[in-house]
Amino acid sequence: MKRLCAAVLIAEAVVLGLAIPVAIHIERDRPSSVALALGVAAAAAVLFAALARPAVRLTLVGGTVLQIFVIVSGVIVPVMFFLGALFAALWLTGIWLARRWEGMPQ
């Protein structure tokens, strides 16, 4: 579970970081708001990924809140509705698969 959650969060941080210049180009009227929202989300994703090993519960809660934040950031950058929903689906699927895998007899 720790590795899978961290992997999803790192992938999300990369996508969010790469989305900053594109979103600034698209949203010309509020570039600082766009950069701030996506930058904070990317930094939070990296932070929660780093905390996955010592504090998995904090990562699960923080990662879930992050998914909600990324979806809501679609108000600032409309494409984030889609990306947020995509990563929320990956996040929930990852948690479900990890719990299923950990529950299997080995």
N, C-alpha and C. Protein backbone atom coordinates (compact mmCIF):
# COMPACT_ATOMS: atom_id res chain seq x y z
N MET A 1 0.83 -1.19 0.00
CA MET A 1 0.00 0.00 0.00
C MET A 1 0.88 1.25 0.00
N LYS A 2 1.94 1.23 0.79
CA LYS A 2 2.80 2.41 0.89
C LYS A 2 3.42 2.77 -0.45
N ARG A 3 3.93 1.77 -1.14
CA ARG A 3 4.58 2.02 -2.43
C ARG A 3 3.58 2.47 -3.48
N LEU A 4 2.43 1.85 -3.51
CA LEU A 4 1.43 2.19 -4.51
C LEU A 4 0.90 3.60 -4.30
N CYS A 5 0.63 3.97 -3.06
CA CYS A 5 0.16 5.33 -2.78
C CYS A 5 1.23 6.35 -3.13
N ALA A 6 2.46 6.07 -2.76
CA ALA A 6 3.56 6.99 -3.07
C ALA A 6 3.73 7.13 -4.59
N ALA A 7 3.60 6.03 -5.32
CA ALA A 7 3.76 6.08 -6.78
C ALA A 7 2.67 6.94 -7.43
N VAL A 8 1.44 6.78 -6.98
CA VAL A 8 0.35 7.59 -7.52
C VAL A 8 0.58 9.06 -7.21
N LEU A 9 1.00 9.36 -6.00
CA LEU A 9 1.22 10.76 -5.62
C LEU A 9 2.39 11.39 -6.37
N ILE A 10 3.46 10.63 -6.59
CA ILE A 10 4.59 11.16 -7.35
C ILE A 10 4.18 11.41 -8.80
N ALA A 11 3.45 10.47 -9.39
CA ALA A 11 2.97 10.67 -10.76
C ALA A 11 2.06 11.90 -10.84
N GLU A 12 1.23 12.08 -9.83
CA GLU A 12 0.35 13.24 -9.80
C GLU A 12 1.15 14.53 -9.67
N ALA A 13 2.19 14.51 -8.85
CA ALA A 13 3.04 15.71 -8.69
C ALA A 13 3.71 16.08 -10.02
N VAL A 14 4.18 15.08 -10.75
CA VAL A 14 4.81 15.34 -12.05
C VAL A 14 3.80 15.95 -13.02
N VAL A 15 2.62 15.36 -13.09
CA VAL A 15 1.59 15.88 -14.00
C VAL A 15 1.18 17.30 -13.60
N LEU A 16 1.02 17.54 -12.31
CA LEU A 16 0.66 18.88 -11.86
C LEU A 16 1.76 19.89 -12.18
N GLY A 17 3.00 19.48 -11.97
CA GLY A 17 4.11 20.38 -12.30
C GLY A 17 4.18 20.70 -13.78
N LEU A 18 3.96 19.69 -14.61
CA LEU A 18 3.97 19.91 -16.06
C LEU A 18 2.74 20.69 -16.53
N ALA A 19 1.68 20.65 -15.77
CA ALA A 19 0.47 21.37 -16.14
C ALA A 19 0.56 22.87 -15.85
N ILE A 20 1.49 23.27 -15.01
CA ILE A 20 1.57 24.69 -14.64
C ILE A 20 1.79 25.59 -15.84
N PRO A 21 2.83 25.37 -16.67
CA PRO A 21 3.01 26.29 -17.79
C PRO A 21 1.86 26.25 -18.81
N VAL A 22 1.30 25.07 -19.01
CA VAL A 22 0.18 24.95 -19.94
C VAL A 22 -1.03 25.71 -19.40
N ALA A 23 -1.31 25.54 -18.13
CA ALA A 23 -2.45 26.22 -17.53
C ALA A 23 -2.25 27.73 -17.52
N ILE A 24 -1.03 28.18 -17.29
CA ILE A 24 -0.76 29.63 -17.32
C ILE A 24 -1.01 30.16 -18.73
N HIS A 25 -0.60 29.39 -19.73
CA HIS A 25 -0.81 29.82 -21.12
C HIS A 25 -2.30 29.88 -21.45
N ILE A 26 -3.06 28.94 -20.94
CA ILE A 26 -4.50 28.90 -21.23
C ILE A 26 -5.24 29.98 -20.44
N GLU A 27 -4.94 30.09 -19.17
CA GLU A 27 -5.61 31.05 -18.28
C GLU A 27 -4.77 32.33 -18.18
N ARG A 28 -4.83 33.16 -19.15
CA ARG A 28 -3.98 34.35 -19.19
C ARG A 28 -4.38 35.41 -18.19
N ASP A 29 -5.60 35.39 -17.71
CA ASP A 29 -6.05 36.44 -16.80
C ASP A 29 -5.61 36.23 -15.35
N ARG A 30 -5.29 34.99 -14.97
CA ARG A 30 -4.90 34.72 -13.58
C ARG A 30 -3.68 33.79 -13.50
N PRO A 31 -2.54 34.15 -14.08
CA PRO A 31 -1.40 33.21 -14.07
C PRO A 31 -0.84 32.94 -12.68
N SER A 32 -0.86 33.93 -11.80
CA SER A 32 -0.30 33.69 -10.46
C SER A 32 -1.20 32.75 -9.65
N SER A 33 -2.51 32.87 -9.81
CA SER A 33 -3.43 31.97 -9.11
C SER A 33 -3.26 30.53 -9.60
N VAL A 34 -3.10 30.39 -10.90
CA VAL A 34 -2.92 29.07 -11.49
C VAL A 34 -1.63 28.43 -10.99
N ALA A 35 -0.54 29.19 -11.05
CA ALA A 35 0.76 28.67 -10.61
C ALA A 35 0.74 28.32 -9.13
N LEU A 36 0.12 29.15 -8.33
CA LEU A 36 0.05 28.89 -6.90
C LEU A 36 -0.76 27.64 -6.58
N ALA A 37 -1.94 27.53 -7.17
CA ALA A 37 -2.81 26.38 -6.89
C ALA A 37 -2.15 25.07 -7.31
N LEU A 38 -1.63 25.03 -8.52
CA LEU A 38 -1.02 23.79 -9.00
C LEU A 38 0.31 23.51 -8.31
N GLY A 39 1.06 24.56 -7.99
CA GLY A 39 2.33 24.37 -7.28
C GLY A 39 2.13 23.82 -5.87
N VAL A 40 1.14 24.35 -5.18
CA VAL A 40 0.83 23.86 -3.82
C VAL A 40 0.37 22.40 -3.89
N ALA A 41 -0.46 22.09 -4.87
CA ALA A 41 -0.93 20.71 -5.01
C ALA A 41 0.22 19.76 -5.32
N ALA A 42 1.13 20.17 -6.20
CA ALA A 42 2.29 19.32 -6.53
C ALA A 42 3.19 19.12 -5.32
N ALA A 43 3.43 20.19 -4.57
CA ALA A 43 4.27 20.09 -3.37
C ALA A 43 3.62 19.20 -2.32
N ALA A 44 2.31 19.32 -2.17
CA ALA A 44 1.59 18.47 -1.20
C ALA A 44 1.67 17.00 -1.62
N ALA A 45 1.57 16.74 -2.91
CA ALA A 45 1.67 15.35 -3.39
C ALA A 45 3.03 14.76 -3.07
N VAL A 46 4.09 15.54 -3.27
CA VAL A 46 5.44 15.06 -2.95
C VAL A 46 5.58 14.84 -1.44
N LEU A 47 5.05 15.76 -0.65
CA LEU A 47 5.13 15.64 0.81
C LEU A 47 4.41 14.37 1.29
N PHE A 48 3.21 14.15 0.81
CA PHE A 48 2.47 12.96 1.24
C PHE A 48 3.12 11.67 0.74
N ALA A 49 3.72 11.72 -0.44
CA ALA A 49 4.44 10.54 -0.93
C ALA A 49 5.64 10.24 -0.03
N ALA A 50 6.32 11.27 0.44
CA ALA A 50 7.46 11.07 1.33
C ALA A 50 7.02 10.52 2.69
N LEU A 51 5.82 10.87 3.10
CA LEU A 51 5.30 10.41 4.39
C LEU A 51 4.66 9.02 4.32
N ALA A 52 4.62 8.43 3.14
CA ALA A 52 3.92 7.14 2.98
C ALA A 52 4.54 6.05 3.84
N ARG A 53 5.85 6.00 3.93
CA ARG A 53 6.48 4.93 4.69
C ARG A 53 6.30 5.10 6.20
N PRO A 54 6.61 6.28 6.78
CA PRO A 54 6.47 6.37 8.24
C PRO A 54 5.03 6.57 8.73
N ALA A 55 4.18 7.17 7.91
CA ALA A 55 2.83 7.50 8.38
C ALA A 55 1.82 7.23 7.28
N VAL A 56 1.48 5.97 7.09
CA VAL A 56 0.60 5.61 5.98
C VAL A 56 -0.81 6.15 6.18
N ARG A 57 -1.29 6.22 7.40
CA ARG A 57 -2.63 6.76 7.65
C ARG A 57 -2.70 8.24 7.27
N LEU A 58 -1.67 8.99 7.64
CA LEU A 58 -1.61 10.41 7.27
C LEU A 58 -1.57 10.56 5.76
N THR A 59 -0.84 9.69 5.09
CA THR A 59 -0.77 9.73 3.63
C THR A 59 -2.13 9.43 3.01
N LEU A 60 -2.84 8.45 3.55
CA LEU A 60 -4.16 8.12 3.00
C LEU A 60 -5.14 9.28 3.17
N VAL A 61 -5.15 9.88 4.34
CA VAL A 61 -6.06 11.00 4.58
C VAL A 61 -5.63 12.21 3.76
N GLY A 62 -4.35 12.55 3.83
CA GLY A 62 -3.85 13.71 3.10
C GLY A 62 -3.98 13.54 1.59
N GLY A 63 -3.70 12.35 1.09
CA GLY A 63 -3.83 12.08 -0.33
C GLY A 63 -5.28 12.19 -0.80
N THR A 64 -6.19 11.73 0.03
CA THR A 64 -7.61 11.83 -0.32
C THR A 64 -8.06 13.29 -0.35
N VAL A 65 -7.64 14.06 0.64
CA VAL A 65 -7.96 15.50 0.65
C VAL A 65 -7.31 16.18 -0.57
N LEU A 66 -6.11 15.77 -0.92
CA LEU A 66 -5.44 16.32 -2.09
C LEU A 66 -6.23 16.04 -3.36
N GLN A 67 -6.78 14.85 -3.48
CA GLN A 67 -7.57 14.52 -4.67
C GLN A 67 -8.78 15.45 -4.78
N ILE A 68 -9.40 15.72 -3.65
CA ILE A 68 -10.55 16.63 -3.64
C ILE A 68 -10.10 18.04 -4.03
N PHE A 69 -8.96 18.48 -3.49
CA PHE A 69 -8.43 19.81 -3.82
C PHE A 69 -8.13 19.93 -5.31
N VAL A 70 -7.54 18.89 -5.89
CA VAL A 70 -7.19 18.94 -7.32
C VAL A 70 -8.46 19.01 -8.16
N ILE A 71 -9.48 18.28 -7.79
CA ILE A 71 -10.75 18.36 -8.52
C ILE A 71 -11.34 19.76 -8.39
N VAL A 72 -11.35 20.30 -7.18
CA VAL A 72 -11.91 21.63 -6.95
C VAL A 72 -11.09 22.71 -7.65
N SER A 73 -9.80 22.48 -7.84
CA SER A 73 -8.98 23.47 -8.55
C SER A 73 -9.40 23.63 -10.00
N GLY A 74 -10.29 22.77 -10.46
CA GLY A 74 -10.89 22.92 -11.78
C GLY A 74 -11.65 24.22 -11.93
N VAL A 75 -12.01 24.84 -10.81
CA VAL A 75 -12.65 26.15 -10.86
C VAL A 75 -11.67 27.19 -11.43
N ILE A 76 -10.39 27.04 -11.09
CA ILE A 76 -9.36 27.95 -11.59
C ILE A 76 -8.87 27.51 -12.96
N VAL A 77 -8.59 26.23 -13.10
CA VAL A 77 -8.10 25.65 -14.37
C VAL A 77 -9.07 24.54 -14.75
N PRO A 78 -9.95 24.77 -15.70
CA PRO A 78 -11.00 23.79 -16.01
C PRO A 78 -10.51 22.38 -16.33
N VAL A 79 -9.34 22.24 -16.93
CA VAL A 79 -8.85 20.90 -17.25
C VAL A 79 -8.57 20.08 -15.99
N MET A 80 -8.43 20.74 -14.84
CA MET A 80 -8.16 20.03 -13.60
C MET A 80 -9.35 19.21 -13.13
N PHE A 81 -10.55 19.55 -13.60
CA PHE A 81 -11.69 18.68 -13.29
C PHE A 81 -11.42 17.28 -13.83
N PHE A 82 -10.96 17.20 -15.07
CA PHE A 82 -10.66 15.92 -15.69
C PHE A 82 -9.46 15.25 -15.04
N LEU A 83 -8.34 15.98 -14.91
CA LEU A 83 -7.14 15.39 -14.31
C LEU A 83 -7.38 14.98 -12.86
N GLY A 84 -8.11 15.80 -12.12
CA GLY A 84 -8.42 15.47 -10.73
C GLY A 84 -9.26 14.21 -10.63
N ALA A 85 -10.26 14.09 -11.50
CA ALA A 85 -11.09 12.89 -11.49
C ALA A 85 -10.28 11.66 -11.88
N LEU A 86 -9.38 11.83 -12.85
CA LEU A 86 -8.54 10.72 -13.27
C LEU A 86 -7.64 10.24 -12.13
N PHE A 87 -6.97 11.18 -11.46
CA PHE A 87 -6.09 10.79 -10.36
C PHE A 87 -6.87 10.31 -9.14
N ALA A 88 -8.06 10.84 -8.91
CA ALA A 88 -8.89 10.33 -7.81
C ALA A 88 -9.27 8.88 -8.07
N ALA A 89 -9.58 8.57 -9.33
CA ALA A 89 -9.89 7.18 -9.68
C ALA A 89 -8.68 6.28 -9.49
N LEU A 90 -7.50 6.76 -9.90
CA LEU A 90 -6.27 5.99 -9.67
C LEU A 90 -6.00 5.82 -8.19
N TRP A 91 -6.21 6.86 -7.42
CA TRP A 91 -5.99 6.83 -5.97
C TRP A 91 -6.89 5.79 -5.31
N LEU A 92 -8.17 5.86 -5.60
CA LEU A 92 -9.12 4.91 -4.98
C LEU A 92 -8.87 3.49 -5.45
N THR A 93 -8.56 3.31 -6.73
CA THR A 93 -8.25 1.98 -7.24
C THR A 93 -6.99 1.44 -6.60
N GLY A 94 -5.99 2.30 -6.43
CA GLY A 94 -4.75 1.88 -5.78
C GLY A 94 -4.97 1.42 -4.35
N ILE A 95 -5.76 2.18 -3.61
CA ILE A 95 -6.06 1.79 -2.22
C ILE A 95 -6.81 0.46 -2.21
N TRP A 96 -7.80 0.32 -3.08
CA TRP A 96 -8.58 -0.92 -3.14
C TRP A 96 -7.71 -2.11 -3.50
N LEU A 97 -6.86 -1.95 -4.51
CA LEU A 97 -5.99 -3.06 -4.92
C LEU A 97 -4.97 -3.41 -3.84
N ALA A 98 -4.41 -2.39 -3.19
CA ALA A 98 -3.41 -2.65 -2.14
C ALA A 98 -4.04 -3.38 -0.97
N ARG A 99 -5.22 -2.97 -0.57
CA ARG A 99 -5.89 -3.67 0.55
C ARG A 99 -6.26 -5.10 0.16
N ARG A 100 -6.66 -5.26 -1.08
CA ARG A 100 -7.00 -6.60 -1.55
C ARG A 100 -5.75 -7.48 -1.59
N TRP A 101 -4.64 -6.93 -2.07
CA TRP A 101 -3.39 -7.67 -2.17
C TRP A 101 -2.86 -8.03 -0.78
N GLU A 102 -2.94 -7.08 0.17
CA GLU A 102 -2.45 -7.33 1.52
C GLU A 102 -3.30 -8.37 2.25
N GLY A 103 -4.56 -8.50 1.86
CA GLY A 103 -5.45 -9.45 2.51
C GLY A 103 -5.34 -10.86 1.96
N MET A 104 -4.63 -11.04 0.85
CA MET A 104 -4.50 -12.37 0.24
C MET A 104 -3.53 -13.24 1.02
N PRO A 105 -3.85 -14.52 1.15
CA PRO A 105 -2.89 -15.41 1.81
C PRO A 105 -1.66 -15.61 0.93
N GLN A 106 -0.50 -15.65 1.57
CA GLN A 106 0.76 -15.77 0.81
C GLN A 106 1.51 -17.01 1.14
